[in-house]
PDB file of N, CA and C in Angstrom:
ATOM      1  N   MET A   1    -115.682  -4.287  57.180  1.00  0.00           N
ATOM      2  CA  MET A   1    -116.791  -3.529  56.632  1.00  0.00           C
ATOM      3  C   MET A   1    -116.572  -3.394  55.122  1.00  0.00           C
ATOM      4  N   THR A   2    -117.637  -3.532  54.385  1.00  0.00           N
ATOM      5  CA  THR A   2    -117.556  -3.461  52.934  1.00  0.00           C
ATOM      6  C   THR A   2    -117.496  -1.995  52.463  1.00  0.00           C
ATOM      7  N   PRO A   3    -116.984  -1.766  51.255  1.00  0.00           N
ATOM      8  CA  PRO A   3    -116.829  -0.375  50.776  1.00  0.00           C
ATOM      9  C   PRO A   3    -118.121   0.427  50.716  1.00  0.00           C
ATOM     10  N   ALA A   4    -119.181  -0.140  50.169  1.00  0.00           N
ATOM     11  CA  ALA A   4    -120.437   0.619  50.069  1.00  0.00           C
ATOM     12  C   ALA A   4    -121.031   0.870  51.448  1.00  0.00           C
ATOM     13  N   THR A   5    -120.905  -0.087  52.349  1.00  0.00           N
ATOM     14  CA  THR A   5    -121.399   0.101  53.713  1.00  0.00           C
ATOM     15  C   THR A   5    -120.634   1.227  54.398  1.00  0.00           C
ATOM     16  N   ALA A   6    -119.332   1.265  54.198  1.00  0.00           N
ATOM     17  CA  ALA A   6    -118.528   2.356  54.763  1.00  0.00           C
ATOM     18  C   ALA A   6    -118.975   3.702  54.205  1.00  0.00           C
ATOM     19  N   ARG A   7    -119.282   3.759  52.912  1.00  0.00           N
ATOM     20  CA  ARG A   7    -119.760   5.010  52.308  1.00  0.00           C
ATOM     21  C   ARG A   7    -121.116   5.404  52.884  1.00  0.00           C
ATOM     22  N   LEU A   8    -121.992   4.433  53.112  1.00  0.00           N
ATOM     23  CA  LEU A   8    -123.302   4.727  53.702  1.00  0.00           C
ATOM     24  C   LEU A   8    -123.133   5.308  55.102  1.00  0.00           C
ATOM     25  N   LEU A   9    -122.259   4.714  55.889  1.00  0.00           N
ATOM     26  CA  LEU A   9    -122.038   5.213  57.247  1.00  0.00           C
ATOM     27  C   LEU A   9    -121.422   6.604  57.240  1.00  0.00           C
ATOM     28  N   SER A  10    -120.506   6.845  56.331  1.00  0.00           N
ATOM     29  CA  SER A  10    -119.903   8.168  56.219  1.00  0.00           C
ATOM     30  C   SER A  10    -120.949   9.204  55.802  1.00  0.00           C
ATOM     31  N   LEU A  11    -121.805   8.837  54.882  1.00  0.00           N
ATOM     32  CA  LEU A  11    -122.867   9.736  54.437  1.00  0.00           C
ATOM     33  C   LEU A  11    -123.851  10.012  55.574  1.00  0.00           C
ATOM     34  N   LEU A  12    -124.192   8.998  56.335  1.00  0.00           N
ATOM     35  CA  LEU A  12    -125.083   9.164  57.482  1.00  0.00           C
ATOM     36  C   LEU A  12    -124.473  10.150  58.477  1.00  0.00           C
ATOM     37  N   ASP A  13    -123.190   9.996  58.728  1.00  0.00           N
ATOM     38  CA  ASP A  13    -122.495  10.902  59.632  1.00  0.00           C
ATOM     39  C   ASP A  13    -122.492  12.330  59.078  1.00  0.00           C
ATOM     40  N   SER A  14    -122.189  12.474  57.803  1.00  0.00           N
ATOM     41  CA  SER A  14    -122.164  13.808  57.182  1.00  0.00           C
ATOM     42  C   SER A  14    -123.523  14.494  57.267  1.00  0.00           C
ATOM     43  N   PHE A  15    -124.577  13.734  57.041  1.00  0.00           N
ATOM     44  CA  PHE A  15    -125.915  14.322  57.092  1.00  0.00           C
ATOM     45  C   PHE A  15    -126.273  14.751  58.508  1.00  0.00           C
ATOM     46  N   THR A  16    -126.011  13.908  59.482  1.00  0.00           N
ATOM     47  CA  THR A  16    -126.375  14.275  60.856  1.00  0.00           C
ATOM     48  C   THR A  16    -125.549  15.451  61.368  1.00  0.00           C
ATOM     49  N   ARG A  17    -124.361  15.650  60.791  1.00  0.00           N
ATOM     50  CA  ARG A  17    -123.521  16.799  61.163  1.00  0.00           C
ATOM     51  C   ARG A  17    -123.791  18.013  60.267  1.00  0.00           C
ATOM     52  N   GLU A  18    -124.722  17.847  59.334  1.00  0.00           N
ATOM     53  CA  GLU A  18    -125.141  18.891  58.406  1.00  0.00           C
ATOM     54  C   GLU A  18    -124.026  19.351  57.469  1.00  0.00           C
ATOM     55  N   THR A  19    -123.127  18.441  57.113  1.00  0.00           N
ATOM     56  CA  THR A  19    -122.139  18.749  56.084  1.00  0.00           C
ATOM     57  C   THR A  19    -122.596  18.200  54.735  1.00  0.00           C
ATOM     58  N   ALA A  20    -123.732  17.525  54.727  1.00  0.00           N
ATOM     59  CA  ALA A  20    -124.409  17.089  53.495  1.00  0.00           C
ATOM     60  C   ALA A  20    -125.855  17.536  53.606  1.00  0.00           C
ATOM     61  N   THR A  21    -126.412  18.013  52.502  1.00  0.00           N
ATOM     62  CA  THR A  21    -127.813  18.434  52.503  1.00  0.00           C
ATOM     63  C   THR A  21    -128.718  17.207  52.484  1.00  0.00           C
ATOM     64  N   ALA A  22    -129.989  17.422  52.715  1.00  0.00           N
ATOM     65  CA  ALA A  22    -130.959  16.332  52.669  1.00  0.00           C
ATOM     66  C   ALA A  22    -130.998  15.719  51.267  1.00  0.00           C
ATOM     67  N   ALA A  23    -130.962  16.564  50.241  1.00  0.00           N
ATOM     68  CA  ALA A  23    -130.985  16.056  48.860  1.00  0.00           C
ATOM     69  C   ALA A  23    -129.729  15.241  48.557  1.00  0.00           C
ATOM     70  N   GLU A  24    -128.566  15.720  49.002  1.00  0.00           N
ATOM     71  CA  GLU A  24    -127.321  14.970  48.801  1.00  0.00           C
ATOM     72  C   GLU A  24    -127.373  13.634  49.532  1.00  0.00           C
ATOM     73  N   PHE A  25    -127.907  13.668  50.740  1.00  0.00           N
ATOM     74  CA  PHE A  25    -128.041  12.445  51.529  1.00  0.00           C
ATOM     75  C   PHE A  25    -128.940  11.442  50.815  1.00  0.00           C
ATOM     76  N   ALA A  26    -130.098  11.896  50.366  1.00  0.00           N
ATOM     77  CA  ALA A  26    -131.049  11.004  49.700  1.00  0.00           C
ATOM     78  C   ALA A  26    -130.448  10.409  48.427  1.00  0.00           C
ATOM     79  N   HIS A  27    -129.832  11.244  47.615  1.00  0.00           N
ATOM     80  CA  HIS A  27    -129.238  10.770  46.369  1.00  0.00           C
ATOM     81  C   HIS A  27    -128.096   9.781  46.653  1.00  0.00           C
ATOM     82  N   GLY A  28    -127.197  10.180  47.537  1.00  0.00           N
ATOM     83  CA  GLY A  28    -126.055   9.328  47.868  1.00  0.00           C
ATOM     84  C   GLY A  28    -126.466   8.020  48.500  1.00  0.00           C
ATOM     85  N   TRP A  29    -127.457   8.077  49.392  1.00  0.00           N
ATOM     86  CA  TRP A  29    -127.911   6.861  50.077  1.00  0.00           C
ATOM     87  C   TRP A  29    -128.444   5.852  49.066  1.00  0.00           C
ATOM     88  N   ARG A  30    -129.275   6.337  48.179  1.00  0.00           N
ATOM     89  CA  ARG A  30    -129.853   5.422  47.180  1.00  0.00           C
ATOM     90  C   ARG A  30    -128.760   4.836  46.282  1.00  0.00           C
ATOM     91  N   GLU A  31    -127.826   5.673  45.865  1.00  0.00           N
ATOM     92  CA  GLU A  31    -126.734   5.210  45.000  1.00  0.00           C
ATOM     93  C   GLU A  31    -125.858   4.169  45.715  1.00  0.00           C
ATOM     94  N   PHE A  32    -125.433   4.472  46.937  1.00  0.00           N
ATOM     95  CA  PHE A  32    -124.552   3.568  47.667  1.00  0.00           C
ATOM     96  C   PHE A  32    -125.276   2.287  48.083  1.00  0.00           C
ATOM     97  N   ARG A  33    -126.558   2.401  48.410  1.00  0.00           N
ATOM     98  CA  ARG A  33    -127.334   1.215  48.804  1.00  0.00           C
ATOM     99  C   ARG A  33    -127.487   0.277  47.607  1.00  0.00           C
ATOM    100  N   ARG A  34    -127.781   0.839  46.437  1.00  0.00           N
ATOM    101  CA  ARG A  34    -127.872   0.012  45.222  1.00  0.00           C
ATOM    102  C   ARG A  34    -126.543  -0.670  44.940  1.00  0.00           C
ATOM    103  N   SER A  35    -125.465   0.076  45.098  1.00  0.00           N
ATOM    104  CA  SER A  35    -124.135  -0.484  44.882  1.00  0.00           C
ATOM    105  C   SER A  35    -123.860  -1.629  45.851  1.00  0.00           C
ATOM    106  N   ALA A  36    -124.194  -1.437  47.098  1.00  0.00           N
ATOM    107  CA  ALA A  36    -123.982  -2.486  48.101  1.00  0.00           C
ATOM    108  C   ALA A  36    -124.777  -3.736  47.750  1.00  0.00           C
ATOM    109  N   GLN A  37    -126.023  -3.543  47.378  1.00  0.00           N
ATOM    110  CA  GLN A  37    -126.868  -4.690  47.053  1.00  0.00           C
ATOM    111  C   GLN A  37    -126.398  -5.396  45.790  1.00  0.00           C
ATOM    112  N   SER A  38    -126.002  -4.642  44.768  1.00  0.00           N
ATOM    113  CA  SER A  38    -125.559  -5.273  43.521  1.00  0.00           C
ATOM    114  C   SER A  38    -124.228  -6.001  43.707  1.00  0.00           C
ATOM    115  N   ASN A  39    -123.425  -5.562  44.692  1.00  0.00           N
ATOM    116  CA  ASN A  39    -122.161  -6.231  44.989  1.00  0.00           C
ATOM    117  C   ASN A  39    -122.321  -7.368  45.988  1.00  0.00           C
ATOM    118  N   GLY A  40    -123.555  -7.601  46.416  1.00  0.00           N
ATOM    119  CA  GLY A  40    -123.817  -8.676  47.364  1.00  0.00           C
ATOM    120  C   GLY A  40    -123.414  -8.351  48.792  1.00  0.00           C
ATOM    121  N   GLU A  41    -123.204  -7.064  49.081  1.00  0.00           N
ATOM    122  CA  GLU A  41    -122.836  -6.658  50.436  1.00  0.00           C
ATOM    123  C   GLU A  41    -124.066  -6.765  51.335  1.00  0.00           C
ATOM    124  N   ARG A  42    -123.867  -7.349  52.500  1.00  0.00           N
ATOM    125  CA  ARG A  42    -124.960  -7.510  53.450  1.00  0.00           C
ATOM    126  C   ARG A  42    -124.517  -7.029  54.828  1.00  0.00           C
ATOM    127  N   VAL A  43    -125.442  -6.444  55.554  1.00  0.00           N
ATOM    128  CA  VAL A  43    -125.197  -6.068  56.943  1.00  0.00           C
ATOM    129  C   VAL A  43    -126.245  -6.773  57.788  1.00  0.00           C
ATOM    130  N   GLY A  44    -125.961  -6.913  59.052  1.00  0.00           N
ATOM    131  CA  GLY A  44    -126.905  -7.577  59.945  1.00  0.00           C
ATOM    132  C   GLY A  44    -127.072  -6.796  61.226  1.00  0.00           C
ATOM    133  N   GLY A  45    -127.922  -7.303  62.066  1.00  0.00           N
ATOM    134  CA  GLY A  45    -128.121  -6.739  63.397  1.00  0.00           C
ATOM    135  C   GLY A  45    -128.629  -5.322  63.390  1.00  0.00           C
ATOM    136  N   LYS A  46    -128.099  -4.540  64.325  1.00  0.00           N
ATOM    137  CA  LYS A  46    -128.549  -3.160  64.506  1.00  0.00           C
ATOM    138  C   LYS A  46    -128.299  -2.316  63.262  1.00  0.00           C
ATOM    139  N   LEU A  47    -127.179  -2.563  62.599  1.00  0.00           N
ATOM    140  CA  LEU A  47    -126.865  -1.791  61.405  1.00  0.00           C
ATOM    141  C   LEU A  47    -127.896  -2.034  60.304  1.00  0.00           C
ATOM    142  N   ALA A  48    -128.329  -3.264  60.148  1.00  0.00           N
ATOM    143  CA  ALA A  48    -129.373  -3.573  59.165  1.00  0.00           C
ATOM    144  C   ALA A  48    -130.663  -2.855  59.521  1.00  0.00           C
ATOM    145  N   ASP A  49    -130.981  -2.813  60.800  1.00  0.00           N
ATOM    146  CA  ASP A  49    -132.191  -2.103  61.244  1.00  0.00           C
ATOM    147  C   ASP A  49    -132.093  -0.613  60.925  1.00  0.00           C
ATOM    148  N   ILE A  50    -130.927  -0.022  61.174  1.00  0.00           N
ATOM    149  CA  ILE A  50    -130.731   1.403  60.872  1.00  0.00           C
ATOM    150  C   ILE A  50    -130.909   1.640  59.377  1.00  0.00           C
ATOM    151  N   PHE A  51    -130.275   0.816  58.561  1.00  0.00           N
ATOM    152  CA  PHE A  51    -130.368   0.978  57.111  1.00  0.00           C
ATOM    153  C   PHE A  51    -131.809   0.842  56.634  1.00  0.00           C
ATOM    154  N   ASP A  52    -132.532  -0.125  57.191  1.00  0.00           N
ATOM    155  CA  ASP A  52    -133.939  -0.306  56.810  1.00  0.00           C
ATOM    156  C   ASP A  52    -134.783   0.905  57.198  1.00  0.00           C
ATOM    157  N   GLN A  53    -134.537   1.442  58.382  1.00  0.00           N
ATOM    158  CA  GLN A  53    -135.317   2.596  58.824  1.00  0.00           C
ATOM    159  C   GLN A  53    -134.994   3.840  58.003  1.00  0.00           C
ATOM    160  N   VAL A  54    -133.725   4.011  57.653  1.00  0.00           N
ATOM    161  CA  VAL A  54    -133.361   5.142  56.786  1.00  0.00           C
ATOM    162  C   VAL A  54    -134.054   4.989  55.440  1.00  0.00           C
ATOM    163  N   PHE A  55    -134.067   3.784  54.904  1.00  0.00           N
ATOM    164  CA  PHE A  55    -134.752   3.539  53.634  1.00  0.00           C
ATOM    165  C   PHE A  55    -136.218   3.962  53.723  1.00  0.00           C
ATOM    166  N   MET A  56    -136.887   3.603  54.810  1.00  0.00           N
ATOM    167  CA  MET A  56    -138.295   3.963  54.979  1.00  0.00           C
ATOM    168  C   MET A  56    -138.468   5.483  55.073  1.00  0.00           C
ATOM    169  N   MET A  57    -137.549   6.152  55.745  1.00  0.00           N
ATOM    170  CA  MET A  57    -137.613   7.616  55.823  1.00  0.00           C
ATOM    171  C   MET A  57    -137.462   8.233  54.436  1.00  0.00           C
ATOM    172  N   LEU A  58    -136.531   7.697  53.666  1.00  0.00           N
ATOM    173  CA  LEU A  58    -136.302   8.240  52.332  1.00  0.00           C
ATOM    174  C   LEU A  58    -137.469   7.967  51.389  1.00  0.00           C
ATOM    175  N   GLU A  59    -138.218   6.933  51.644  1.00  0.00           N
ATOM    176  CA  GLU A  59    -139.420   6.669  50.856  1.00  0.00           C
ATOM    177  C   GLU A  59    -140.467   7.759  51.079  1.00  0.00           C
ATOM    178  N   ALA A  60    -140.396   8.427  52.235  1.00  0.00           N
ATOM    179  CA  ALA A  60    -141.346   9.497  52.568  1.00  0.00           C
ATOM    180  C   ALA A  60    -140.767  10.882  52.295  1.00  0.00           C
ATOM    181  N   TYR A  61    -139.643  10.946  51.551  1.00  0.00           N
ATOM    182  CA  TYR A  61    -138.973  12.210  51.291  1.00  0.00           C
ATOM    183  C   TYR A  61    -138.805  12.408  49.786  1.00  0.00           C
ATOM    184  N   THR A  62    -139.091  13.626  49.333  1.00  0.00           N
ATOM    185  CA  THR A  62    -138.854  14.018  47.947  1.00  0.00           C
ATOM    186  C   THR A  62    -137.905  15.207  47.967  1.00  0.00           C
ATOM    187  N   PRO A  63    -136.717  15.069  47.358  1.00  0.00           N
ATOM    188  CA  PRO A  63    -135.736  16.156  47.420  1.00  0.00           C
ATOM    189  C   PRO A  63    -136.210  17.477  46.806  1.00  0.00           C
ATOM    190  N   ASP A  64    -137.005  17.418  45.771  1.00  0.00           N
ATOM    191  CA  ASP A  64    -137.463  18.634  45.094  1.00  0.00           C
ATOM    192  C   ASP A  64    -138.714  19.173  45.784  1.00  0.00           C
ATOM    193  N   PRO A  65    -138.605  20.325  46.444  1.00  0.00           N
ATOM    194  CA  PRO A  65    -139.762  20.890  47.148  1.00  0.00           C
ATOM    195  C   PRO A  65    -140.975  21.123  46.245  1.00  0.00           C
ATOM    196  N   GLU A  66    -140.729  21.373  44.969  1.00  0.00           N
ATOM    197  CA  GLU A  66    -141.828  21.614  44.026  1.00  0.00           C
ATOM    198  C   GLU A  66    -142.652  20.342  43.776  1.00  0.00           C
ATOM    199  N   LEU A  67    -142.029  19.195  43.962  1.00  0.00           N
ATOM    200  CA  LEU A  67    -142.709  17.915  43.734  1.00  0.00           C
ATOM    201  C   LEU A  67    -143.203  17.271  45.019  1.00  0.00           C
ATOM    202  N   ARG A  68    -142.881  17.869  46.132  1.00  0.00           N
ATOM    203  CA  ARG A  68    -143.201  17.302  47.436  1.00  0.00           C
ATOM    204  C   ARG A  68    -144.705  17.350  47.707  1.00  0.00           C
ATOM    205  N   GLU A  69    -145.222  16.241  48.173  1.00  0.00           N
ATOM    206  CA  GLU A  69    -146.623  16.146  48.602  1.00  0.00           C
ATOM    207  C   GLU A  69    -146.724  16.612  50.054  1.00  0.00           C
ATOM    208  N   PRO A  70    -147.915  17.015  50.500  1.00  0.00           N
ATOM    209  CA  PRO A  70    -148.064  17.495  51.885  1.00  0.00           C
ATOM    210  C   PRO A  70    -147.624  16.478  52.943  1.00  0.00           C
ATOM    211  N   GLU A  71    -147.779  15.200  52.657  1.00  0.00           N
ATOM    212  CA  GLU A  71    -147.424  14.175  53.644  1.00  0.00           C
ATOM    213  C   GLU A  71    -145.935  13.791  53.600  1.00  0.00           C
ATOM    214  N   ASP A  72    -145.203  14.284  52.604  1.00  0.00           N
ATOM    215  CA  ASP A  72    -143.776  13.978  52.489  1.00  0.00           C
ATOM    216  C   ASP A  72    -142.978  14.719  53.562  1.00  0.00           C
ATOM    217  N   LEU A  73    -141.861  14.117  53.955  1.00  0.00           N
ATOM    218  CA  LEU A  73    -140.962  14.771  54.891  1.00  0.00           C
ATOM    219  C   LEU A  73    -140.275  15.957  54.216  1.00  0.00           C
ATOM    220  N   THR A  74    -140.084  17.025  54.968  1.00  0.00           N
ATOM    221  CA  THR A  74    -139.286  18.154  54.501  1.00  0.00           C
ATOM    222  C   THR A  74    -137.818  17.835  54.789  1.00  0.00           C
ATOM    223  N   ASP A  75    -136.927  18.686  54.307  1.00  0.00           N
ATOM    224  CA  ASP A  75    -135.498  18.509  54.598  1.00  0.00           C
ATOM    225  C   ASP A  75    -135.259  18.464  56.105  1.00  0.00           C
ATOM    226  N   THR A  76    -135.867  19.400  56.805  1.00  0.00           N
ATOM    227  CA  THR A  76    -135.704  19.479  58.261  1.00  0.00           C
ATOM    228  C   THR A  76    -136.277  18.256  58.958  1.00  0.00           C
ATOM    229  N   GLN A  77    -137.438  17.816  58.532  1.00  0.00           N
ATOM    230  CA  GLN A  77    -138.045  16.628  59.145  1.00  0.00           C
ATOM    231  C   GLN A  77    -137.204  15.376  58.904  1.00  0.00           C
ATOM    232  N   LEU A  78    -136.621  15.269  57.709  1.00  0.00           N
ATOM    233  CA  LEU A  78    -135.752  14.131  57.428  1.00  0.00           C
ATOM    234  C   LEU A  78    -134.540  14.168  58.354  1.00  0.00           C
ATOM    235  N   LEU A  79    -133.910  15.318  58.477  1.00  0.00           N
ATOM    236  CA  LEU A  79    -132.750  15.460  59.354  1.00  0.00           C
ATOM    237  C   LEU A  79    -133.120  15.105  60.792  1.00  0.00           C
ATOM    238  N   GLU A  80    -134.228  15.641  61.274  1.00  0.00           N
ATOM    239  CA  GLU A  80    -134.662  15.349  62.651  1.00  0.00           C
ATOM    240  C   GLU A  80    -134.946  13.868  62.838  1.00  0.00           C
ATOM    241  N   SER A  81    -135.559  13.242  61.848  1.00  0.00           N
ATOM    242  CA  SER A  81    -135.872  11.806  61.938  1.00  0.00           C
ATOM    243  C   SER A  81    -134.610  10.956  61.961  1.00  0.00           C
ATOM    244  N   VAL A  82    -133.657  11.303  61.107  1.00  0.00           N
ATOM    245  CA  VAL A  82    -132.399  10.551  61.068  1.00  0.00           C
ATOM    246  C   VAL A  82    -131.625  10.757  62.365  1.00  0.00           C
ATOM    247  N   ARG A  83    -131.589  11.983  62.854  1.00  0.00           N
ATOM    248  CA  ARG A  83    -130.902  12.238  64.124  1.00  0.00           C
ATOM    249  C   ARG A  83    -131.557  11.478  65.279  1.00  0.00           C
ATOM    250  N   ALA A  84    -132.880  11.419  65.293  1.00  0.00           N
ATOM    251  CA  ALA A  84    -133.587  10.670  66.340  1.00  0.00           C
ATOM    252  C   ALA A  84    -133.240   9.182  66.256  1.00  0.00           C
ATOM    253  N   LEU A  85    -133.173   8.659  65.042  1.00  0.00           N
ATOM    254  CA  LEU A  85    -132.800   7.263  64.848  1.00  0.00           C
ATOM    255  C   LEU A  85    -131.391   7.002  65.368  1.00  0.00           C
ATOM    256  N   VAL A  86    -130.462   7.883  65.029  1.00  0.00           N
ATOM    257  CA  VAL A  86    -129.082   7.749  65.485  1.00  0.00           C
ATOM    258  C   VAL A  86    -129.022   7.772  67.008  1.00  0.00           C
ATOM    259  N   ALA A  87    -129.736   8.707  67.621  1.00  0.00           N
ATOM    260  CA  ALA A  87    -129.750   8.805  69.081  1.00  0.00           C
ATOM    261  C   ALA A  87    -130.377   7.561  69.708  1.00  0.00           C
ATOM    262  N   GLU A  88    -131.456   7.096  69.126  1.00  0.00           N
ATOM    263  CA  GLU A  88    -132.176   5.927  69.646  1.00  0.00           C
ATOM    264  C   GLU A  88    -131.320   4.662  69.585  1.00  0.00           C
ATOM    265  N   THR A  89    -130.563   4.518  68.520  1.00  0.00           N
ATOM    266  CA  THR A  89    -129.777   3.297  68.327  1.00  0.00           C
ATOM    267  C   THR A  89    -128.395   3.371  68.953  1.00  0.00           C
ATOM    268  N   GLY A  90    -127.945   4.590  69.260  1.00  0.00           N
ATOM    269  CA  GLY A  90    -126.623   4.744  69.845  1.00  0.00           C
ATOM    270  C   GLY A  90    -125.497   4.631  68.842  1.00  0.00           C
ATOM    271  N   TRP A  91    -125.806   4.787  67.569  1.00  0.00           N
ATOM    272  CA  TRP A  91    -124.771   4.710  66.537  1.00  0.00           C
ATOM    273  C   TRP A  91    -123.771   5.824  66.750  1.00  0.00           C
ATOM    274  N   ARG A  92    -122.493   5.538  66.553  1.00  0.00           N
ATOM    275  CA  ARG A  92    -121.435   6.491  66.904  1.00  0.00           C
ATOM    276  C   ARG A  92    -120.719   7.124  65.735  1.00  0.00           C
ATOM    277  N   GLY A  93    -120.980   6.760  64.529  1.00  0.00           N
ATOM    278  CA  GLY A  93    -120.315   7.382  63.396  1.00  0.00           C
ATOM    279  C   GLY A  93    -119.470   6.398  62.629  1.00  0.00           C
ATOM    280  N   PRO A  94    -118.768   6.882  61.611  1.00  0.00           N
ATOM    281  CA  PRO A  94    -117.948   6.000  60.788  1.00  0.00           C
ATOM    282  C   PRO A  94    -116.989   5.182  61.633  1.00  0.00           C
ATOM    283  N   GLY A  95    -116.861   3.915  61.269  1.00  0.00           N
ATOM    284  CA  GLY A  95    -115.997   3.016  62.016  1.00  0.00           C
ATOM    285  C   GLY A  95    -116.754   2.229  63.058  1.00  0.00           C
ATOM    286  N   ALA A  96    -117.953   2.713  63.416  1.00  0.00           N
ATOM    287  CA  ALA A  96    -118.768   1.963  64.377  1.00  0.00           C
ATOM    288  C   ALA A  96    -119.358   0.762  63.664  1.00  0.00           C
ATOM    289  N   ASP A  97    -119.527  -0.304  64.400  1.00  0.00           N
ATOM    290  CA  ASP A  97    -120.057  -1.510  63.778  1.00  0.00           C
ATOM    291  C   ASP A  97    -121.564  -1.614  63.925  1.00  0.00           C
ATOM    292  N   GLY A  98    -122.192  -0.577  64.455  1.00  0.00           N
ATOM    293  CA  GLY A  98    -123.642  -0.594  64.615  1.00  0.00           C
ATOM    294  C   GLY A  98    -124.083  -1.171  65.925  1.00  0.00           C
ATOM    295  N   SER A  99    -123.150  -1.668  66.745  1.00  0.00           N
ATOM    296  CA  SER A  99    -123.556  -2.284  67.998  1.00  0.00           C
ATOM    297  C   SER A  99    -123.037  -1.534  69.222  1.00  0.00           C
ATOM    298  N   ARG A 100    -122.181  -0.513  69.004  1.00  0.00           N
ATOM    299  CA  ARG A 100    -121.652   0.234  70.138  1.00  0.00           C
ATOM    300  C   ARG A 100    -122.652   1.265  70.619  1.00  0.00           C
ATOM    301  N   LYS A 101    -122.657   1.508  71.904  1.00  0.00           N
ATOM    302  CA  LYS A 101    -123.541   2.503  72.515  1.00  0.00           C
ATOM    303  C   LYS A 101    -122.784   3.789  72.726  1.00  0.00           C
ATOM    304  N   ARG A 102    -123.517   4.897  72.780  1.00  0.00           N
ATOM    305  CA  ARG A 102    -122.921   6.201  73.096  1.00  0.00           C
ATOM    306  C   ARG A 102    -122.536   6.252  74.543  1.00  0.00           C
TER     307      ARG A 102
END
């Protein structure tokens, strides 16, 4: 597993366990994803699908409530959406390769 991918998985785990806020998750995800892409890091299979879906969720989320549009996800909605994705895919946390089931 590449370094940025490991950081993304750790951040995903932290957010679903609520040890990272939605704003921290959004900021960190974008930073680590850019780093992974600029370093040529690639993931495939289920993990790529998870990363793509998280990206789409973050596109519908604005960390600053003052700037949030009515159709944007709230912090709680983002957390619920990410948790549903994790449950749906069976992702198990850091160290998982994206293909293991719960």
